Amino acid sequence: MRLALQKAMAVAVRHPDAIVIGADTVVALGKQVWSKPESEKEARRMIGTLAGKTHDIWTGFAIIDTKKGRRSARAVKTRVTFRPLSPREVKAYVARGESLDGAGGYQLQENGTVLLERIVGDYNTIIGLPLAAVLEELKKFGIRS
């Protein structure tokens, strides 16, 4: 939520009469928390660690009403289970080139579905913006969908 709020605030200062939304996503497995990997090697390590396990995806989002000076922040969790993966499968997925753009080294909106066994929760949380929760929060700002 902190990073989502920082992102929203960076935009809000330039827009004095707007509703601004910022978001940030992390992957958590036990005490390990990852955002985007910095290298393909790190992506392979992350995905290899997640293989055959259930982990949590947390997307924090912040909403700022710059006109009224009001803001809100929330986080939403979705549980993801990866199927068991061989080192060859992990390497092949990372070679597709999308790993550096997603928390935990994968993106479900691209080819990451090949890694999946199960999702429990909102798919939109995984891809970076939990729409149902955002719409619910926007209602508190007087915005209707």
Foldseek 3Di string as FASTA:
>chain_A
DVVQVVVQVVVLVVPQADKTKGKAKWKDDPPDIWWFDPDLVVLLVLLQVQAQHKIKMKMKMKIARNNVRDMDIDIDIKIFHFYHDDSVRSNVQSVVPCQRPGHSRDAPVPPRCNGGDDIGDAPVSRNIDRVVVVQVVVVVVVDHD
